[in-house]
């Protein structure tokens, strides 16, 4: 171990000019802590997604699918239209299964 420590120390003193500085993990990956979403909101959404996948008995990857993300974004965008004090009943925003079945053909015709 002492030999390794000397070698590392030697390496550091030889590259003191910074030309051979070692990259940090953060140089390769972005931190997920840079989000502008408050932690309490992220936690609430995490628990809602967990409960959703458990209740519908679907794969966990469902919440990262393109269709789910588009639907979630549409609901989020609709929420922007309301005053922050307004009580919105989500069931009023979600169409019935019959409405969805009637619109599925139109979706694939486009």
N, C-alpha and C. Protein backbone atom coordinates (compact mmCIF):
# COMPACT_ATOMS: atom_id res chain seq x y z
N UNK A 1 0.82 -1.19 0.00
CA UNK A 1 0.00 0.00 0.00
C UNK A 1 0.86 1.26 0.00
N UNK A 2 1.96 1.20 0.74
CA UNK A 2 2.85 2.36 0.80
C UNK A 2 3.43 2.66 -0.58
N UNK A 3 3.76 1.60 -1.33
CA UNK A 3 4.30 1.77 -2.68
C UNK A 3 3.27 2.46 -3.58
N UNK A 4 2.02 2.04 -3.45
CA UNK A 4 0.94 2.65 -4.23
C UNK A 4 0.78 4.13 -3.87
N UNK A 5 0.84 4.42 -2.58
CA UNK A 5 0.69 5.79 -2.12
C UNK A 5 1.81 6.68 -2.66
N UNK A 6 3.05 6.15 -2.65
CA UNK A 6 4.18 6.91 -3.19
C UNK A 6 4.00 7.15 -4.68
N UNK A 7 3.54 6.12 -5.38
CA UNK A 7 3.34 6.25 -6.83
C UNK A 7 2.27 7.30 -7.14
N UNK A 8 1.20 7.28 -6.36
CA UNK A 8 0.13 8.27 -6.57
C UNK A 8 0.63 9.67 -6.25
N UNK A 9 1.37 9.80 -5.16
CA UNK A 9 1.91 11.10 -4.77
C UNK A 9 2.88 11.61 -5.83
N UNK A 10 3.71 10.70 -6.34
CA UNK A 10 4.66 11.05 -7.39
C UNK A 10 3.93 11.51 -8.65
N UNK A 11 2.87 10.81 -8.97
CA UNK A 11 2.08 11.16 -10.14
C UNK A 11 1.45 12.54 -9.99
N UNK A 12 0.99 12.84 -8.79
CA UNK A 12 0.37 14.15 -8.54
C UNK A 12 1.38 15.28 -8.63
N UNK A 13 2.58 15.07 -8.10
CA UNK A 13 3.59 16.13 -8.14
C UNK A 13 4.13 16.32 -9.54
N UNK A 14 4.17 15.25 -10.34
CA UNK A 14 4.65 15.36 -11.72
C UNK A 14 3.66 16.09 -12.61
N UNK A 15 2.39 16.02 -12.26
CA UNK A 15 1.38 16.66 -13.11
C UNK A 15 0.80 17.89 -12.43
N UNK A 16 1.60 18.58 -11.65
CA UNK A 16 1.12 19.77 -10.94
C UNK A 16 0.76 20.90 -11.88
N UNK A 17 1.22 20.83 -13.12
CA UNK A 17 0.87 21.88 -14.07
C UNK A 17 -0.58 21.76 -14.56
N UNK A 18 -1.24 20.64 -14.22
CA UNK A 18 -2.65 20.46 -14.58
C UNK A 18 -2.86 19.83 -15.93
N UNK A 19 -1.80 19.57 -16.68
CA UNK A 19 -1.96 19.01 -18.02
C UNK A 19 -2.41 17.56 -17.98
N UNK A 20 -2.15 16.87 -16.89
CA UNK A 20 -2.53 15.46 -16.78
C UNK A 20 -3.47 15.24 -15.60
N UNK A 21 -4.31 16.20 -15.31
CA UNK A 21 -5.20 16.06 -14.15
C UNK A 21 -6.25 14.99 -14.43
N UNK A 22 -6.60 14.28 -13.40
CA UNK A 22 -7.56 13.20 -13.51
C UNK A 22 -8.97 13.76 -13.58
N UNK A 23 -9.79 13.18 -14.47
CA UNK A 23 -11.18 13.62 -14.60
C UNK A 23 -11.99 13.11 -13.42
N UNK A 24 -13.01 13.84 -13.06
CA UNK A 24 -13.90 13.46 -11.98
C UNK A 24 -15.12 12.76 -12.56
N UNK A 25 -15.82 12.02 -11.74
CA UNK A 25 -17.03 11.35 -12.18
C UNK A 25 -18.04 12.37 -12.71
N UNK A 26 -18.09 13.52 -12.08
CA UNK A 26 -19.04 14.55 -12.52
C UNK A 26 -18.71 15.10 -13.90
N UNK A 27 -17.49 14.85 -14.38
CA UNK A 27 -17.14 15.25 -15.74
C UNK A 27 -17.82 14.35 -16.77
N UNK A 28 -18.18 13.14 -16.34
CA UNK A 28 -18.81 12.17 -17.24
C UNK A 28 -20.33 12.16 -17.14
N UNK A 29 -20.84 12.42 -15.96
CA UNK A 29 -22.27 12.32 -15.72
C UNK A 29 -22.81 13.60 -15.12
N UNK A 30 -24.01 13.98 -15.57
CA UNK A 30 -24.68 15.13 -14.96
C UNK A 30 -25.34 14.68 -13.67
N UNK A 31 -25.34 15.54 -12.71
CA UNK A 31 -25.99 15.25 -11.45
C UNK A 31 -27.49 15.40 -11.61
N UNK A 32 -28.23 14.48 -11.00
CA UNK A 32 -29.69 14.59 -11.03
C UNK A 32 -30.18 15.61 -10.01
N UNK A 33 -29.28 16.14 -9.21
CA UNK A 33 -29.66 17.13 -8.20
C UNK A 33 -29.83 18.53 -8.80
N UNK A 34 -29.52 18.70 -10.07
CA UNK A 34 -29.62 20.01 -10.71
C UNK A 34 -31.05 20.30 -11.19
N UNK A 35 -31.99 19.49 -10.80
CA UNK A 35 -33.37 19.65 -11.24
C UNK A 35 -33.99 20.88 -10.59
N UNK A 36 -34.87 21.55 -11.32
CA UNK A 36 -35.56 22.70 -10.75
C UNK A 36 -36.90 22.30 -10.14
N UNK A 37 -37.13 20.98 -10.04
CA UNK A 37 -38.35 20.47 -9.42
C UNK A 37 -38.10 20.29 -7.93
N UNK A 38 -38.95 20.87 -7.08
CA UNK A 38 -38.76 20.71 -5.64
C UNK A 38 -38.79 19.24 -5.22
N UNK A 39 -37.99 18.91 -4.22
CA UNK A 39 -37.85 17.53 -3.77
C UNK A 39 -39.20 16.94 -3.32
N UNK A 40 -40.02 17.73 -2.66
CA UNK A 40 -41.31 17.21 -2.17
C UNK A 40 -42.24 16.86 -3.34
N UNK A 41 -42.15 17.61 -4.44
CA UNK A 41 -42.96 17.31 -5.62
C UNK A 41 -42.46 16.04 -6.28
N UNK A 42 -41.13 15.92 -6.42
CA UNK A 42 -40.56 14.69 -7.01
C UNK A 42 -40.95 13.47 -6.19
N UNK A 43 -40.92 13.60 -4.87
CA UNK A 43 -41.28 12.49 -3.99
C UNK A 43 -42.75 12.11 -4.17
N UNK A 44 -43.62 13.11 -4.27
CA UNK A 44 -45.05 12.85 -4.46
C UNK A 44 -45.32 12.15 -5.79
N UNK A 45 -44.64 12.59 -6.84
CA UNK A 45 -44.81 11.96 -8.16
C UNK A 45 -44.23 10.55 -8.15
N UNK A 46 -43.11 10.37 -7.48
CA UNK A 46 -42.50 9.03 -7.38
C UNK A 46 -43.47 8.05 -6.72
N UNK A 47 -44.09 8.49 -5.64
CA UNK A 47 -45.03 7.61 -4.94
C UNK A 47 -46.29 7.36 -5.79
N UNK A 48 -46.75 8.36 -6.52
CA UNK A 48 -47.92 8.19 -7.39
C UNK A 48 -47.61 7.20 -8.51
N UNK A 49 -46.43 7.29 -9.11
CA UNK A 49 -46.04 6.36 -10.17
C UNK A 49 -45.89 4.94 -9.63
N UNK A 50 -45.35 4.83 -8.43
CA UNK A 50 -45.20 3.52 -7.80
C UNK A 50 -46.57 2.90 -7.54
N UNK A 51 -47.48 3.69 -6.99
CA UNK A 51 -48.83 3.21 -6.72
C UNK A 51 -49.55 2.86 -8.02
N UNK A 52 -49.37 3.68 -9.05
CA UNK A 52 -50.00 3.44 -10.35
C UNK A 52 -49.57 2.09 -10.92
N UNK A 53 -48.27 1.82 -10.95
CA UNK A 53 -47.81 0.56 -11.52
C UNK A 53 -48.27 -0.63 -10.69
N UNK A 54 -48.37 -0.45 -9.38
CA UNK A 54 -48.84 -1.54 -8.52
C UNK A 54 -50.33 -1.81 -8.74
N UNK A 55 -51.13 -0.75 -8.85
CA UNK A 55 -52.58 -0.90 -9.00
C UNK A 55 -52.97 -1.49 -10.35
N UNK A 56 -52.26 -1.12 -11.41
CA UNK A 56 -52.63 -1.62 -12.74
C UNK A 56 -51.87 -2.88 -13.12
N UNK A 57 -50.99 -3.33 -12.22
CA UNK A 57 -50.21 -4.56 -12.45
C UNK A 57 -49.50 -4.53 -13.80
N UNK A 58 -48.81 -3.45 -14.07
CA UNK A 58 -48.06 -3.28 -15.31
C UNK A 58 -46.58 -3.18 -15.01
N UNK A 59 -45.79 -3.24 -16.06
CA UNK A 59 -44.34 -3.15 -15.91
C UNK A 59 -43.95 -1.76 -15.42
N UNK A 60 -42.88 -1.72 -14.64
CA UNK A 60 -42.40 -0.45 -14.10
C UNK A 60 -41.98 0.51 -15.21
N UNK A 61 -41.55 -0.03 -16.35
CA UNK A 61 -41.12 0.80 -17.47
C UNK A 61 -42.27 1.58 -18.10
N UNK A 62 -43.49 1.23 -17.74
CA UNK A 62 -44.66 1.92 -18.30
C UNK A 62 -44.56 3.43 -18.09
N UNK A 63 -44.07 3.85 -16.94
CA UNK A 63 -44.02 5.28 -16.63
C UNK A 63 -42.93 6.02 -17.39
N UNK A 64 -42.07 5.32 -18.09
CA UNK A 64 -41.05 5.98 -18.91
C UNK A 64 -41.37 5.87 -20.40
N UNK A 65 -42.49 5.24 -20.71
CA UNK A 65 -42.88 5.07 -22.11
C UNK A 65 -43.33 6.37 -22.74
N UNK A 66 -43.21 6.44 -24.06
CA UNK A 66 -43.55 7.65 -24.79
C UNK A 66 -45.01 8.07 -24.58
N UNK A 67 -45.92 7.11 -24.63
CA UNK A 67 -47.33 7.42 -24.47
C UNK A 67 -47.67 7.96 -23.09
N UNK A 68 -47.12 7.33 -22.06
CA UNK A 68 -47.37 7.80 -20.70
C UNK A 68 -46.81 9.19 -20.50
N UNK A 69 -45.60 9.43 -21.00
CA UNK A 69 -44.98 10.75 -20.83
C UNK A 69 -45.76 11.83 -21.56
N UNK A 70 -46.27 11.52 -22.76
CA UNK A 70 -47.09 12.50 -23.49
C UNK A 70 -48.37 12.81 -22.73
N UNK A 71 -49.00 11.77 -22.17
CA UNK A 71 -50.22 11.99 -21.41
C UNK A 71 -49.93 12.82 -20.16
N UNK A 72 -48.87 12.48 -19.44
CA UNK A 72 -48.52 13.22 -18.23
C UNK A 72 -48.21 14.68 -18.56
N UNK A 73 -47.51 14.92 -19.66
CA UNK A 73 -47.18 16.29 -20.06
C UNK A 73 -48.45 17.06 -20.42
N UNK A 74 -49.39 16.40 -21.10
CA UNK A 74 -50.66 17.06 -21.46
C UNK A 74 -51.45 17.44 -20.22
N UNK A 75 -51.49 16.55 -19.24
CA UNK A 75 -52.21 16.85 -18.00
C UNK A 75 -51.52 17.98 -17.25
N UNK A 76 -50.20 17.94 -17.23
CA UNK A 76 -49.44 19.01 -16.57
C UNK A 76 -49.70 20.35 -17.25
N UNK A 77 -49.66 20.36 -18.59
CA UNK A 77 -49.91 21.59 -19.34
C UNK A 77 -51.33 22.11 -19.10
N UNK A 78 -52.30 21.19 -19.01
CA UNK A 78 -53.68 21.60 -18.73
C UNK A 78 -53.77 22.23 -17.35
N UNK A 79 -53.00 21.73 -16.41
CA UNK A 79 -53.00 22.28 -15.06
C UNK A 79 -52.51 23.71 -15.00
N UNK A 80 -51.68 24.09 -15.95
CA UNK A 80 -51.19 25.47 -16.00
C UNK A 80 -52.30 26.47 -16.30
N UNK A 81 -53.37 25.99 -16.92
CA UNK A 81 -54.48 26.87 -17.28
C UNK A 81 -55.34 27.26 -16.08
N UNK A 82 -55.17 26.54 -14.99
CA UNK A 82 -55.99 26.78 -13.82
C UNK A 82 -55.24 27.63 -12.80
N UNK A 83 -56.00 28.39 -12.05
CA UNK A 83 -55.46 29.15 -10.94
C UNK A 83 -54.89 28.15 -9.93
N UNK A 84 -53.80 28.51 -9.28
CA UNK A 84 -53.17 27.58 -8.34
C UNK A 84 -54.08 27.26 -7.15
N UNK A 85 -55.10 28.04 -6.93
CA UNK A 85 -56.04 27.78 -5.84
C UNK A 85 -57.24 26.96 -6.29
N UNK A 86 -57.40 26.79 -7.60
CA UNK A 86 -58.55 26.06 -8.12
C UNK A 86 -58.44 24.57 -7.79
N UNK A 87 -59.57 24.00 -7.42
CA UNK A 87 -59.63 22.56 -7.17
C UNK A 87 -60.06 21.89 -8.48
N UNK A 88 -59.18 21.09 -9.05
CA UNK A 88 -59.46 20.43 -10.31
C UNK A 88 -59.67 18.95 -10.04
N UNK A 89 -60.81 18.45 -10.50
CA UNK A 89 -61.09 17.02 -10.38
C UNK A 89 -60.51 16.35 -11.62
N UNK A 90 -59.46 15.57 -11.44
CA UNK A 90 -58.76 14.95 -12.56
C UNK A 90 -59.68 14.07 -13.39
N UNK A 91 -60.65 13.45 -12.75
CA UNK A 91 -61.55 12.57 -13.50
C UNK A 91 -62.34 13.34 -14.55
N UNK A 92 -62.47 14.67 -14.38
CA UNK A 92 -63.12 15.48 -15.40
C UNK A 92 -62.23 15.70 -16.62
N UNK A 93 -60.93 15.54 -16.45
CA UNK A 93 -59.99 15.73 -17.55
C UNK A 93 -59.79 14.46 -18.37
N UNK A 94 -59.91 13.31 -17.73
CA UNK A 94 -59.62 12.03 -18.38
C UNK A 94 -60.86 11.57 -19.14
N UNK A 95 -60.70 11.25 -20.44
CA UNK A 95 -61.85 10.79 -21.22
C UNK A 95 -62.27 9.37 -20.81
N UNK A 96 -63.50 9.02 -21.12
CA UNK A 96 -64.00 7.68 -20.80
C UNK A 96 -63.37 6.66 -21.75
N UNK A 97 -63.38 5.39 -21.37
CA UNK A 97 -62.86 4.35 -22.28
C UNK A 97 -63.59 4.32 -23.62
N UNK A 98 -64.88 4.63 -23.61
CA UNK A 98 -65.65 4.66 -24.87
C UNK A 98 -65.13 5.77 -25.78
N UNK A 99 -64.89 6.94 -25.22
CA UNK A 99 -64.35 8.06 -26.00
C UNK A 99 -62.99 7.70 -26.57
N UNK A 100 -62.17 7.06 -25.78
CA UNK A 100 -60.85 6.65 -26.26
C UNK A 100 -60.99 5.66 -27.40
N UNK A 101 -61.89 4.68 -27.25
CA UNK A 101 -62.05 3.67 -28.31
C UNK A 101 -62.55 4.31 -29.60
N UNK A 102 -63.36 5.35 -29.49
CA UNK A 102 -63.86 6.03 -30.69
C UNK A 102 -62.78 6.86 -31.38
N UNK A 103 -61.80 7.30 -30.62
CA UNK A 103 -60.75 8.15 -31.18
C UNK A 103 -59.51 7.39 -31.60
N UNK A 104 -59.41 6.13 -31.26
CA UNK A 104 -58.19 5.37 -31.56
C UNK A 104 -57.98 5.23 -33.07
N UNK A 105 -59.05 5.04 -33.82
CA UNK A 105 -58.92 4.92 -35.28
C UNK A 105 -58.41 6.23 -35.88
N UNK A 106 -58.93 7.35 -35.40
CA UNK A 106 -58.49 8.66 -35.91
C UNK A 106 -57.01 8.88 -35.65
N UNK A 107 -56.55 8.42 -34.51
CA UNK A 107 -55.15 8.59 -34.15
C UNK A 107 -54.24 7.89 -35.15
N UNK A 108 -54.61 6.67 -35.52
CA UNK A 108 -53.75 5.91 -36.42
C UNK A 108 -53.96 6.25 -37.88
N UNK A 109 -55.02 6.99 -38.20
CA UNK A 109 -55.22 7.46 -39.57
C UNK A 109 -54.35 8.67 -39.87
N UNK A 110 -53.96 9.41 -38.83
CA UNK A 110 -53.17 10.64 -39.02
C UNK A 110 -51.75 10.33 -39.38
